[in-house]
Amino acid sequence: MSRSRPIVAIDGPAGSGKTTVSRLVAQRLGYVVLDTGALYRTLALATSRAGLEPGRDELGPFCNELVERGAIVFQAAPDGVSRVLLDGEDVSAAIRTPEMSSRASVVSALTD
């Protein structure tokens, strides 16, 4: 599999400007920002909708299957903020709740 663009990873402590820099770079270069926090929140939303509670054995395999089949898509937007689609549905707002943030921590620890 070949890529026409390189992958750029930006890491750093909370509050250091990672999101701002990522959005500006993506907007300028026409890249898509893959926000790992949004990825885990989307997995949290999917597990919630499926009725899977944190700690269940099938939670990890369920999340891995979603990622492997491409159910989660990050879509570029003119403002540099990526839209997040779950099975074609824009869930960008739905994943930004306190409940999804809390569930995301559990999900991130259970996925490969």
PDB file of N, CA and C in Angstrom:
ATOM      1  N   MET A   1       0.848  -1.177   0.000  1.00  0.00           N
ATOM      2  CA  MET A   1       0.000   0.000   0.000  1.00  0.00           C
ATOM      3  C   MET A   1       0.891   1.237   0.000  1.00  0.00           C
ATOM      4  N   SER A   2       0.666   2.134  -0.916  1.00  0.00           N
ATOM      5  CA  SER A   2       1.476   3.345  -0.961  1.00  0.00           C
ATOM      6  C   SER A   2       0.646   4.556  -0.555  1.00  0.00           C
ATOM      7  N   ARG A   3       1.332   5.526  -0.011  1.00  0.00           N
ATOM      8  CA  ARG A   3       0.685   6.768   0.408  1.00  0.00           C
ATOM      9  C   ARG A   3       1.234   7.898  -0.445  1.00  0.00           C
ATOM     10  N   SER A   4       0.379   8.833  -0.776  1.00  0.00           N
ATOM     11  CA  SER A   4       0.839   9.980  -1.538  1.00  0.00           C
ATOM     12  C   SER A   4       1.346  11.093  -0.618  1.00  0.00           C
ATOM     13  N   ARG A   5       1.006  11.001   0.659  1.00  0.00           N
ATOM     14  CA  ARG A   5       1.438  12.006   1.631  1.00  0.00           C
ATOM     15  C   ARG A   5       2.048  11.306   2.836  1.00  0.00           C
ATOM     16  N   PRO A   6       2.983  11.960   3.491  1.00  0.00           N
ATOM     17  CA  PRO A   6       3.533  11.358   4.713  1.00  0.00           C
ATOM     18  C   PRO A   6       2.535  11.441   5.865  1.00  0.00           C
ATOM     19  N   ILE A   7       2.761  10.633   6.868  1.00  0.00           N
ATOM     20  CA  ILE A   7       1.989  10.712   8.109  1.00  0.00           C
ATOM     21  C   ILE A   7       2.790  11.575   9.064  1.00  0.00           C
ATOM     22  N   VAL A   8       2.136  12.546   9.668  1.00  0.00           N
ATOM     23  CA  VAL A   8       2.785  13.447  10.620  1.00  0.00           C
ATOM     24  C   VAL A   8       2.165  13.211  11.984  1.00  0.00           C
ATOM     25  N   ALA A   9       2.985  12.910  12.977  1.00  0.00           N
ATOM     26  CA  ALA A   9       2.489  12.715  14.337  1.00  0.00           C
ATOM     27  C   ALA A   9       2.933  13.891  15.196  1.00  0.00           C
ATOM     28  N   ILE A  10       1.998  14.422  15.961  1.00  0.00           N
ATOM     29  CA  ILE A  10       2.301  15.529  16.866  1.00  0.00           C
ATOM     30  C   ILE A  10       1.941  15.074  18.269  1.00  0.00           C
ATOM     31  N   ASP A  11       2.903  15.112  19.162  1.00  0.00           N
ATOM     32  CA  ASP A  11       2.706  14.641  20.523  1.00  0.00           C
ATOM     33  C   ASP A  11       3.201  15.704  21.495  1.00  0.00           C
ATOM     34  N   GLY A  12       2.702  15.640  22.703  1.00  0.00           N
ATOM     35  CA  GLY A  12       3.141  16.584  23.719  1.00  0.00           C
ATOM     36  C   GLY A  12       2.179  16.584  24.888  1.00  0.00           C
ATOM     37  N   PRO A  13       2.534  17.281  25.936  1.00  0.00           N
ATOM     38  CA  PRO A  13       1.686  17.310  27.132  1.00  0.00           C
ATOM     39  C   PRO A  13       0.402  18.108  26.906  1.00  0.00           C
ATOM     40  N   ALA A  14      -0.547  17.903  27.774  1.00  0.00           N
ATOM     41  CA  ALA A  14      -1.820  18.621  27.715  1.00  0.00           C
ATOM     42  C   ALA A  14      -1.572  20.127  27.736  1.00  0.00           C
ATOM     43  N   GLY A  15      -2.310  20.836  26.911  1.00  0.00           N
ATOM     44  CA  GLY A  15      -2.216  22.293  26.904  1.00  0.00           C
ATOM     45  C   GLY A  15      -1.021  22.865  26.165  1.00  0.00           C
ATOM     46  N   SER A  16      -0.278  22.024  25.429  1.00  0.00           N
ATOM     47  CA  SER A  16       0.928  22.508  24.754  1.00  0.00           C
ATOM     48  C   SER A  16       0.666  23.039  23.348  1.00  0.00           C
ATOM     49  N   GLY A  17      -0.581  22.912  22.865  1.00  0.00           N
ATOM     50  CA  GLY A  17      -0.913  23.445  21.549  1.00  0.00           C
ATOM     51  C   GLY A  17      -0.964  22.411  20.434  1.00  0.00           C
ATOM     52  N   LYS A  18      -0.980  21.125  20.779  1.00  0.00           N
ATOM     53  CA  LYS A  18      -1.006  20.056  19.768  1.00  0.00           C
ATOM     54  C   LYS A  18      -2.186  20.190  18.826  1.00  0.00           C
ATOM     55  N   THR A  19      -3.363  20.410  19.372  1.00  0.00           N
ATOM     56  CA  THR A  19      -4.571  20.499  18.555  1.00  0.00           C
ATOM     57  C   THR A  19      -4.508  21.702  17.632  1.00  0.00           C
ATOM     58  N   THR A  20      -4.111  22.820  18.155  1.00  0.00           N
ATOM     59  CA  THR A  20      -4.019  24.037  17.343  1.00  0.00           C
ATOM     60  C   THR A  20      -3.027  23.861  16.201  1.00  0.00           C
ATOM     61  N   VAL A  21      -1.846  23.354  16.511  1.00  0.00           N
ATOM     62  CA  VAL A  21      -0.815  23.145  15.485  1.00  0.00           C
ATOM     63  C   VAL A  21      -1.289  22.115  14.460  1.00  0.00           C
ATOM     64  N   SER A  22      -1.889  21.028  14.934  1.00  0.00           N
ATOM     65  CA  SER A  22      -2.378  19.982  14.022  1.00  0.00           C
ATOM     66  C   SER A  22      -3.405  20.535  13.048  1.00  0.00           C
ATOM     67  N   ARG A  23      -4.342  21.299  13.557  1.00  0.00           N
ATOM     68  CA  ARG A  23      -5.387  21.872  12.692  1.00  0.00           C
ATOM     69  C   ARG A  23      -4.806  22.837  11.675  1.00  0.00           C
ATOM     70  N   LEU A  24      -3.876  23.671  12.104  1.00  0.00           N
ATOM     71  CA  LEU A  24      -3.272  24.631  11.183  1.00  0.00           C
ATOM     72  C   LEU A  24      -2.471  23.930  10.096  1.00  0.00           C
ATOM     73  N   VAL A  25      -1.694  22.925  10.472  1.00  0.00           N
ATOM     74  CA  VAL A  25      -0.899  22.169   9.496  1.00  0.00           C
ATOM     75  C   VAL A  25      -1.828  21.450   8.519  1.00  0.00           C
ATOM     76  N   ALA A  26      -2.856  20.795   9.042  1.00  0.00           N
ATOM     77  CA  ALA A  26      -3.799  20.064   8.189  1.00  0.00           C
ATOM     78  C   ALA A  26      -4.497  21.006   7.213  1.00  0.00           C
ATOM     79  N   GLN A  27      -4.920  22.141   7.713  1.00  0.00           N
ATOM     80  CA  GLN A  27      -5.614  23.110   6.871  1.00  0.00           C
ATOM     81  C   GLN A  27      -4.685  23.626   5.772  1.00  0.00           C
ATOM     82  N   ARG A  28      -3.481  23.925   6.136  1.00  0.00           N
ATOM     83  CA  ARG A  28      -2.516  24.485   5.179  1.00  0.00           C
ATOM     84  C   ARG A  28      -2.100  23.481   4.118  1.00  0.00           C
ATOM     85  N   LEU A  29      -1.920  22.205   4.527  1.00  0.00           N
ATOM     86  CA  LEU A  29      -1.420  21.188   3.604  1.00  0.00           C
ATOM     87  C   LEU A  29      -2.513  20.298   3.012  1.00  0.00           C
ATOM     88  N   GLY A  30      -3.753  20.504   3.442  1.00  0.00           N
ATOM     89  CA  GLY A  30      -4.838  19.678   2.932  1.00  0.00           C
ATOM     90  C   GLY A  30      -4.847  18.277   3.518  1.00  0.00           C
ATOM     91  N   TYR A  31      -4.347  18.131   4.725  1.00  0.00           N
ATOM     92  CA  TYR A  31      -4.313  16.837   5.398  1.00  0.00           C
ATOM     93  C   TYR A  31      -5.574  16.661   6.244  1.00  0.00           C
ATOM     94  N   VAL A  32      -5.769  15.456   6.723  1.00  0.00           N
ATOM     95  CA  VAL A  32      -6.858  15.141   7.641  1.00  0.00           C
ATOM     96  C   VAL A  32      -6.246  14.902   9.014  1.00  0.00           C
ATOM     97  N   VAL A  33      -6.816  15.516  10.036  1.00  0.00           N
ATOM     98  CA  VAL A  33      -6.351  15.308  11.401  1.00  0.00           C
ATOM     99  C   VAL A  33      -7.033  14.064  11.961  1.00  0.00           C
ATOM    100  N   LEU A  34      -6.239  13.109  12.400  1.00  0.00           N
ATOM    101  CA  LEU A  34      -6.763  11.940  13.089  1.00  0.00           C
ATOM    102  C   LEU A  34      -6.487  12.163  14.568  1.00  0.00           C
ATOM    103  N   ASP A  35      -7.497  12.590  15.261  1.00  0.00           N
ATOM    104  CA  ASP A  35      -7.422  12.889  16.686  1.00  0.00           C
ATOM    105  C   ASP A  35      -7.671  11.586  17.443  1.00  0.00           C
ATOM    106  N   THR A  36      -6.639  11.052  18.107  1.00  0.00           N
ATOM    107  CA  THR A  36      -6.803   9.768  18.792  1.00  0.00           C
ATOM    108  C   THR A  36      -7.838   9.861  19.909  1.00  0.00           C
ATOM    109  N   GLY A  37      -7.957  11.007  20.531  1.00  0.00           N
ATOM    110  CA  GLY A  37      -8.990  11.188  21.551  1.00  0.00           C
ATOM    111  C   GLY A  37     -10.377  11.028  20.940  1.00  0.00           C
ATOM    112  N   ALA A  38     -10.563  11.600  19.756  1.00  0.00           N
ATOM    113  CA  ALA A  38     -11.852  11.465  19.057  1.00  0.00           C
ATOM    114  C   ALA A  38     -12.077  10.017  18.628  1.00  0.00           C
ATOM    115  N   LEU A  39     -11.012   9.333  18.248  1.00  0.00           N
ATOM    116  CA  LEU A  39     -11.136   7.923  17.878  1.00  0.00           C
ATOM    117  C   LEU A  39     -11.651   7.109  19.063  1.00  0.00           C
ATOM    118  N   TYR A  40     -11.043   7.285  20.220  1.00  0.00           N
ATOM    119  CA  TYR A  40     -11.478   6.534  21.401  1.00  0.00           C
ATOM    120  C   TYR A  40     -12.878   6.942  21.857  1.00  0.00           C
ATOM    121  N   ARG A  41     -13.218   8.219  21.719  1.00  0.00           N
ATOM    122  CA  ARG A  41     -14.579   8.651  22.063  1.00  0.00           C
ATOM    123  C   ARG A  41     -15.607   8.027  21.114  1.00  0.00           C
ATOM    124  N   THR A  42     -15.229   7.893  19.846  1.00  0.00           N
ATOM    125  CA  THR A  42     -16.130   7.268  18.873  1.00  0.00           C
ATOM    126  C   THR A  42     -16.317   5.792  19.197  1.00  0.00           C
ATOM    127  N   LEU A  43     -15.247   5.128  19.581  1.00  0.00           N
ATOM    128  CA  LEU A  43     -15.363   3.731  20.009  1.00  0.00           C
ATOM    129  C   LEU A  43     -16.237   3.632  21.259  1.00  0.00           C
ATOM    130  N   ALA A  44     -16.091   4.591  22.152  1.00  0.00           N
ATOM    131  CA  ALA A  44     -16.917   4.611  23.363  1.00  0.00           C
ATOM    132  C   ALA A  44     -18.392   4.763  22.997  1.00  0.00           C
ATOM    133  N   LEU A  45     -18.691   5.640  22.053  1.00  0.00           N
ATOM    134  CA  LEU A  45     -20.065   5.826  21.607  1.00  0.00           C
ATOM    135  C   LEU A  45     -20.615   4.547  20.988  1.00  0.00           C
ATOM    136  N   ALA A  46     -19.819   3.903  20.148  1.00  0.00           N
ATOM    137  CA  ALA A  46     -20.254   2.666  19.496  1.00  0.00           C
ATOM    138  C   ALA A  46     -20.529   1.570  20.517  1.00  0.00           C
ATOM    139  N   THR A  47     -19.676   1.454  21.532  1.00  0.00           N
ATOM    140  CA  THR A  47     -19.894   0.418  22.551  1.00  0.00           C
ATOM    141  C   THR A  47     -21.129   0.742  23.384  1.00  0.00           C
ATOM    142  N   SER A  48     -21.360   2.010  23.649  1.00  0.00           N
ATOM    143  CA  SER A  48     -22.547   2.413  24.403  1.00  0.00           C
ATOM    144  C   SER A  48     -23.810   2.076  23.619  1.00  0.00           C
ATOM    145  N   ARG A  49     -23.799   2.416  22.345  1.00  0.00           N
ATOM    146  CA  ARG A  49     -24.959   2.123  21.495  1.00  0.00           C
ATOM    147  C   ARG A  49     -25.208   0.618  21.369  1.00  0.00           C
ATOM    148  N   ALA A  50     -24.132  -0.171  21.425  1.00  0.00           N
ATOM    149  CA  ALA A  50     -24.261  -1.628  21.312  1.00  0.00           C
ATOM    150  C   ALA A  50     -24.635  -2.274  22.643  1.00  0.00           C
ATOM    151  N   GLY A  51     -24.702  -1.460  23.698  1.00  0.00           N
ATOM    152  CA  GLY A  51     -25.066  -1.979  25.013  1.00  0.00           C
ATOM    153  C   GLY A  51     -23.939  -2.723  25.714  1.00  0.00           C
ATOM    154  N   LEU A  52     -22.708  -2.459  25.285  1.00  0.00           N
ATOM    155  CA  LEU A  52     -21.551  -3.109  25.914  1.00  0.00           C
ATOM    156  C   LEU A  52     -21.026  -2.234  27.043  1.00  0.00           C
ATOM    157  N   GLU A  53     -21.004  -2.769  28.215  1.00  0.00           N
ATOM    158  CA  GLU A  53     -20.535  -2.015  29.371  1.00  0.00           C
ATOM    159  C   GLU A  53     -19.035  -2.213  29.567  1.00  0.00           C
ATOM    160  N   PRO A  54     -18.353  -1.186  30.099  1.00  0.00           N
ATOM    161  CA  PRO A  54     -16.918  -1.322  30.383  1.00  0.00           C
ATOM    162  C   PRO A  54     -16.652  -2.560  31.239  1.00  0.00           C
ATOM    163  N   GLY A  55     -15.567  -3.251  30.904  1.00  0.00           N
ATOM    164  CA  GLY A  55     -15.199  -4.446  31.645  1.00  0.00           C
ATOM    165  C   GLY A  55     -15.670  -5.736  30.992  1.00  0.00           C
ATOM    166  N   ARG A  56     -16.571  -5.655  30.019  1.00  0.00           N
ATOM    167  CA  ARG A  56     -17.043  -6.851  29.328  1.00  0.00           C
ATOM    168  C   ARG A  56     -15.950  -7.391  28.425  1.00  0.00           C
ATOM    169  N   ASP A  57     -15.795  -8.696  28.372  1.00  0.00           N
ATOM    170  CA  ASP A  57     -14.741  -9.331  27.583  1.00  0.00           C
ATOM    171  C   ASP A  57     -14.820  -8.991  26.095  1.00  0.00           C
ATOM    172  N   GLU A  58     -16.028  -8.820  25.565  1.00  0.00           N
ATOM    173  CA  GLU A  58     -16.171  -8.590  24.126  1.00  0.00           C
ATOM    174  C   GLU A  58     -15.936  -7.134  23.722  1.00  0.00           C
ATOM    175  N   LEU A  59     -15.709  -6.251  24.672  1.00  0.00           N
ATOM    176  CA  LEU A  59     -15.518  -4.834  24.358  1.00  0.00           C
ATOM    177  C   LEU A  59     -14.317  -4.606  23.437  1.00  0.00           C
ATOM    178  N   GLY A  60     -13.164  -5.164  23.782  1.00  0.00           N
ATOM    179  CA  GLY A  60     -11.950  -4.996  22.968  1.00  0.00           C
ATOM    180  C   GLY A  60     -12.112  -5.533  21.561  1.00  0.00           C
ATOM    181  N   PRO A  61     -12.536  -6.801  21.403  1.00  0.00           N
ATOM    182  CA  PRO A  61     -12.738  -7.332  20.048  1.00  0.00           C
ATOM    183  C   PRO A  61     -13.767  -6.535  19.240  1.00  0.00           C
ATOM    184  N   PHE A  62     -14.827  -6.055  19.883  1.00  0.00           N
ATOM    185  CA  PHE A  62     -15.841  -5.247  19.204  1.00  0.00           C
ATOM    186  C   PHE A  62     -15.204  -3.983  18.633  1.00  0.00           C
ATOM    187  N   CYS A  63     -14.400  -3.300  19.447  1.00  0.00           N
ATOM    188  CA  CYS A  63     -13.741  -2.066  19.004  1.00  0.00           C
ATOM    189  C   CYS A  63     -12.750  -2.343  17.886  1.00  0.00           C
ATOM    190  N   ASN A  64     -11.971  -3.400  18.038  1.00  0.00           N
ATOM    191  CA  ASN A  64     -10.993  -3.747  17.006  1.00  0.00           C
ATOM    192  C   ASN A  64     -11.678  -4.027  15.673  1.00  0.00           C
ATOM    193  N   GLU A  65     -12.815  -4.689  15.713  1.00  0.00           N
ATOM    194  CA  GLU A  65     -13.558  -5.012  14.494  1.00  0.00           C
ATOM    195  C   GLU A  65     -14.048  -3.740  13.807  1.00  0.00           C
ATOM    196  N   LEU A  66     -14.525  -2.772  14.580  1.00  0.00           N
ATOM    197  CA  LEU A  66     -14.974  -1.501  14.001  1.00  0.00           C
ATOM    198  C   LEU A  66     -13.838  -0.805  13.256  1.00  0.00           C
ATOM    199  N   VAL A  67     -12.677  -0.776  13.873  1.00  0.00           N
ATOM    200  CA  VAL A  67     -11.525  -0.119  13.262  1.00  0.00           C
ATOM    201  C   VAL A  67     -11.086  -0.878  12.015  1.00  0.00           C
ATOM    202  N   GLU A  68     -10.996  -2.193  12.113  1.00  0.00           N
ATOM    203  CA  GLU A  68     -10.532  -3.008  10.985  1.00  0.00           C
ATOM    204  C   GLU A  68     -11.440  -2.899   9.765  1.00  0.00           C
ATOM    205  N   ARG A  69     -12.736  -2.797   9.960  1.00  0.00           N
ATOM    206  CA  ARG A  69     -13.639  -2.716   8.815  1.00  0.00           C
ATOM    207  C   ARG A  69     -13.842  -1.280   8.320  1.00  0.00           C
ATOM    208  N   GLY A  70     -13.176  -0.337   8.936  1.00  0.00           N
ATOM    209  CA  GLY A  70     -13.244   1.047   8.479  1.00  0.00           C
ATOM    210  C   GLY A  70     -14.530   1.750   8.825  1.00  0.00           C
ATOM    211  N   ALA A  71     -15.153   1.368   9.942  1.00  0.00           N
ATOM    212  CA  ALA A  71     -16.418   1.979  10.361  1.00  0.00           C
ATOM    213  C   ALA A  71     -16.231   3.411  10.833  1.00  0.00           C
ATOM    214  N   ILE A  72     -15.008   3.766  11.210  1.00  0.00           N
ATOM    215  CA  ILE A  72     -14.726   5.118  11.698  1.00  0.00           C
ATOM    216  C   ILE A  72     -13.876   5.840  10.655  1.00  0.00           C
ATOM    217  N   VAL A  73     -14.383   6.988  10.221  1.00  0.00           N
ATOM    218  CA  VAL A  73     -13.701   7.766   9.183  1.00  0.00           C
ATOM    219  C   VAL A  73     -13.528   9.195   9.665  1.00  0.00           C
ATOM    220  N   PHE A  74     -12.339   9.724   9.471  1.00  0.00           N
ATOM    221  CA  PHE A  74     -12.070  11.129   9.755  1.00  0.00           C
ATOM    222  C   PHE A  74     -12.113  11.854   8.413  1.00  0.00           C
ATOM    223  N   GLN A  75     -12.910  12.901   8.344  1.00  0.00           N
ATOM    224  CA  GLN A  75     -13.134  13.626   7.103  1.00  0.00           C
ATOM    225  C   GLN A  75     -12.645  15.058   7.273  1.00  0.00           C
ATOM    226  N   ALA A  76     -11.831  15.508   6.331  1.00  0.00           N
ATOM    227  CA  ALA A  76     -11.310  16.876   6.391  1.00  0.00           C
ATOM    228  C   ALA A  76     -12.439  17.885   6.231  1.00  0.00           C
ATOM    229  N   ALA A  77     -12.272  19.011   6.890  1.00  0.00           N
ATOM    230  CA  ALA A  77     -13.220  20.115   6.780  1.00  0.00           C
ATOM    231  C   ALA A  77     -12.422  21.399   6.541  1.00  0.00           C
ATOM    232  N   PRO A  78     -13.024  22.378   5.884  1.00  0.00           N
ATOM    233  CA  PRO A  78     -12.308  23.621   5.563  1.00  0.00           C
ATOM    234  C   PRO A  78     -11.723  24.339   6.779  1.00  0.00           C
ATOM    235  N   ASP A  79     -12.357  24.188   7.942  1.00  0.00           N
ATOM    236  CA  ASP A  79     -11.882  24.888   9.136  1.00  0.00           C
ATOM    237  C   ASP A  79     -10.730  24.156   9.823  1.00  0.00           C
ATOM    238  N   GLY A  80     -10.295  23.001   9.275  1.00  0.00           N
ATOM    239  CA  GLY A  80      -9.198  22.250   9.863  1.00  0.00           C
ATOM    240  C   GLY A  80      -9.628  21.291  10.954  1.00  0.00           C
ATOM    241  N   VAL A  81     -10.903  21.334  11.343  1.00  0.00           N
ATOM    242  CA  VAL A  81     -11.421  20.424  12.361  1.00  0.00           C
ATOM    243  C   VAL A  81     -12.032  19.231  11.632  1.00  0.00           C
ATOM    244  N   SER A  82     -11.477  18.056  11.841  1.00  0.00           N
ATOM    245  CA  SER A  82     -11.980  16.868  11.157  1.00  0.00           C
ATOM    246  C   SER A  82     -13.362  16.489  11.661  1.00  0.00           C
ATOM    247  N   ARG A  83     -14.195  16.021  10.757  1.00  0.00           N
ATOM    248  CA  ARG A  83     -15.487  15.450  11.113  1.00  0.00           C
ATOM    249  C   ARG A  83     -15.258  13.965  11.344  1.00  0.00           C
ATOM    250  N   VAL A  84     -15.988  13.398  12.289  1.00  0.00           N
ATOM    251  CA  VAL A  84     -15.846  11.976  12.590  1.00  0.00           C
ATOM    252  C   VAL A  84     -17.136  11.272  12.198  1.00  0.00           C
ATOM    253  N   LEU A  85     -16.992  10.245  11.356  1.00  0.00           N
ATOM    254  CA  LEU A  85     -18.141   9.478  10.905  1.00  0.00           C
ATOM    255  C   LEU A  85     -18.060   8.071  11.483  1.00  0.00           C
ATOM    256  N   LEU A  86     -19.184   7.590  11.979  1.00  0.00           N
ATOM    257  CA  LEU A  86     -19.309   6.219  12.476  1.00  0.00           C
ATOM    258  C   LEU A  86     -20.352   5.544  11.603  1.00  0.00           C
ATOM    259  N   ASP A  87     -19.917   4.591  10.803  1.00  0.00           N
ATOM    260  CA  ASP A  87     -20.810   3.935   9.842  1.00  0.00           C
ATOM    261  C   ASP A  87     -21.587   4.958   9.013  1.00  0.00           C
ATOM    262  N   GLY A  88     -20.891   6.012   8.594  1.00  0.00           N
ATOM    263  CA  GLY A  88     -21.483   7.026   7.731  1.00  0.00           C
ATOM    264  C   GLY A  88     -22.212   8.154   8.439  1.00  0.00           C
ATOM    265  N   GLU A  89     -22.437   8.036   9.725  1.00  0.00           N
ATOM    266  CA  GLU A  89     -23.142   9.069  10.501  1.00  0.00           C
ATOM    267  C   GLU A  89     -22.131  10.033  11.124  1.00  0.00           C
ATOM    268  N   ASP A  90     -22.359  11.321  10.973  1.00  0.00           N
ATOM    269  CA  ASP A  90     -21.493  12.320  11.596  1.00  0.00           C
ATOM    270  C   ASP A  90     -21.760  12.329  13.103  1.00  0.00           C
ATOM    271  N   VAL A  91     -20.791  11.866  13.874  1.00  0.00           N
ATOM    272  CA  VAL A  91     -20.926  11.793  15.331  1.00  0.00           C
ATOM    273  C   VAL A  91     -20.004  12.790  16.028  1.00  0.00           C
ATOM    274  N   SER A  92     -19.526  13.774  15.282  1.00  0.00           N
ATOM    275  CA  SER A  92     -18.572  14.744  15.824  1.00  0.00           C
ATOM    276  C   SER A  92     -19.054  15.407  17.108  1.00  0.00           C
ATOM    277  N   ALA A  93     -20.329  15.750  17.188  1.00  0.00           N
ATOM    278  CA  ALA A  93     -20.872  16.377  18.394  1.00  0.00           C
ATOM    279  C   ALA A  93     -21.208  15.337  19.457  1.00  0.00           C
ATOM    280  N   ALA A  94     -21.733  14.203  19.041  1.00  0.00           N
ATOM    281  CA  ALA A  94     -22.168  13.165  19.993  1.00  0.00           C
ATOM    282  C   ALA A  94     -21.029  12.594  20.827  1.00  0.00           C
ATOM    283  N   ILE A  95     -19.808  12.648  20.311  1.00  0.00           N
ATOM    284  CA  ILE A  95     -18.674  12.064  21.046  1.00  0.00           C
ATOM    285  C   ILE A  95     -18.070  13.030  22.059  1.00  0.00           C
ATOM    286  N   ARG A  96     -18.525  14.258  22.065  1.00  0.00           N
ATOM    287  CA  ARG A  96     -17.941  15.282  22.953  1.00  0.00           C
ATOM    288  C   ARG A  96     -18.762  15.495  24.212  1.00  0.00           C
ATOM    289  N   THR A  97     -19.224  14.416  24.807  1.00  0.00           N
ATOM    290  CA  THR A  97     -19.978  14.513  26.059  1.00  0.00           C
ATOM    291  C   THR A  97     -19.115  13.977  27.191  1.00  0.00           C
ATOM    292  N   PRO A  98     -19.401  14.375  28.423  1.00  0.00           N
ATOM    293  CA  PRO A  98     -18.638  13.839  29.555  1.00  0.00           C
ATOM    294  C   PRO A  98     -18.703  12.307  29.642  1.00  0.00           C
ATOM    295  N   GLU A  99     -19.867  11.737  29.327  1.00  0.00           N
ATOM    296  CA  GLU A  99     -20.005  10.275  29.382  1.00  0.00           C
ATOM    297  C   GLU A  99     -19.059   9.599  28.392  1.00  0.00           C
ATOM    298  N   MET A 100     -18.967  10.123  27.167  1.00  0.00           N
ATOM    299  CA  MET A 100     -18.088   9.514  26.159  1.00  0.00           C
ATOM    300  C   MET A 100     -16.625   9.712  26.532  1.00  0.00           C
ATOM    301  N   SER A 101     -16.310  10.850  27.116  1.00  0.00           N
ATOM    302  CA  SER A 101     -14.929  11.080  27.571  1.00  0.00           C
ATOM    303  C   SER A 101     -14.543  10.069  28.635  1.00  0.00           C
ATOM    304  N   SER A 102     -15.441   9.811  29.555  1.00  0.00           N
ATOM    305  CA  SER A 102     -15.193   8.846  30.622  1.00  0.00           C
ATOM    306  C   SER A 102     -15.057   7.434  30.066  1.00  0.00           C
ATOM    307  N   ARG A 103     -15.954   7.055  29.170  1.00  0.00           N
ATOM    308  CA  ARG A 103     -15.903   5.718  28.558  1.00  0.00           C
ATOM    309  C   ARG A 103     -14.662   5.548  27.687  1.00  0.00           C
ATOM    310  N   ALA A 104     -14.192   6.631  27.081  1.00  0.00           N
ATOM    311  CA  ALA A 104     -13.034   6.563  26.195  1.00  0.00           C
ATOM    312  C   ALA A 104     -11.797   6.063  26.932  1.00  0.00           C
ATOM    313  N   SER A 105     -11.641   6.445  28.170  1.00  0.00           N
ATOM    314  CA  SER A 105     -10.486   5.988  28.958  1.00  0.00           C
ATOM    315  C   SER A 105     -10.493   4.473  29.113  1.00  0.00           C
ATOM    316  N   VAL A 106     -11.664   3.923  29.349  1.00  0.00           N
ATOM    317  CA  VAL A 106     -11.804   2.468  29.505  1.00  0.00           C
ATOM    318  C   VAL A 106     -11.529   1.777  28.168  1.00  0.00           C
ATOM    319  N   VAL A 107     -12.123   2.292  27.104  1.00  0.00           N
ATOM    320  CA  VAL A 107     -11.978   1.695  25.786  1.00  0.00           C
ATOM    321  C   VAL A 107     -10.512   1.705  25.342  1.00  0.00           C
ATOM    322  N   SER A 108      -9.813   2.788  25.575  1.00  0.00           N
ATOM    323  CA  SER A 108      -8.419   2.896  25.120  1.00  0.00           C
ATOM    324  C   SER A 108      -7.526   1.854  25.780  1.00  0.00           C
ATOM    325  N   ALA A 109      -7.867   1.461  26.965  1.00  0.00           N
ATOM    326  CA  ALA A 109      -7.064   0.458  27.677  1.00  0.00           C
ATOM    327  C   ALA A 109      -7.353  -0.970  27.201  1.00  0.00           C
ATOM    328  N   LEU A 110      -8.465  -1.173  26.498  1.00  0.00           N
ATOM    329  CA  LEU A 110      -8.875  -2.520  26.105  1.00  0.00           C
ATOM    330  C   LEU A 110      -8.653  -2.844  24.634  1.00  0.00           C
ATOM    331  N   THR A 111      -8.215  -1.878  23.841  1.00  0.00           N
ATOM    332  CA  THR A 111      -8.053  -2.110  22.404  1.00  0.00           C
ATOM    333  C   THR A 111      -6.592  -2.317  22.053  1.00  0.00           C
ATOM    334  N   ASP A 112      -6.385  -3.005  20.937  1.00  0.00           N
ATOM    335  CA  ASP A 112      -5.009  -3.290  20.466  1.00  0.00           C
ATOM    336  C   ASP A 112      -4.405  -2.113  19.771  1.00  0.00           C
TER     337      ASP A 112
END
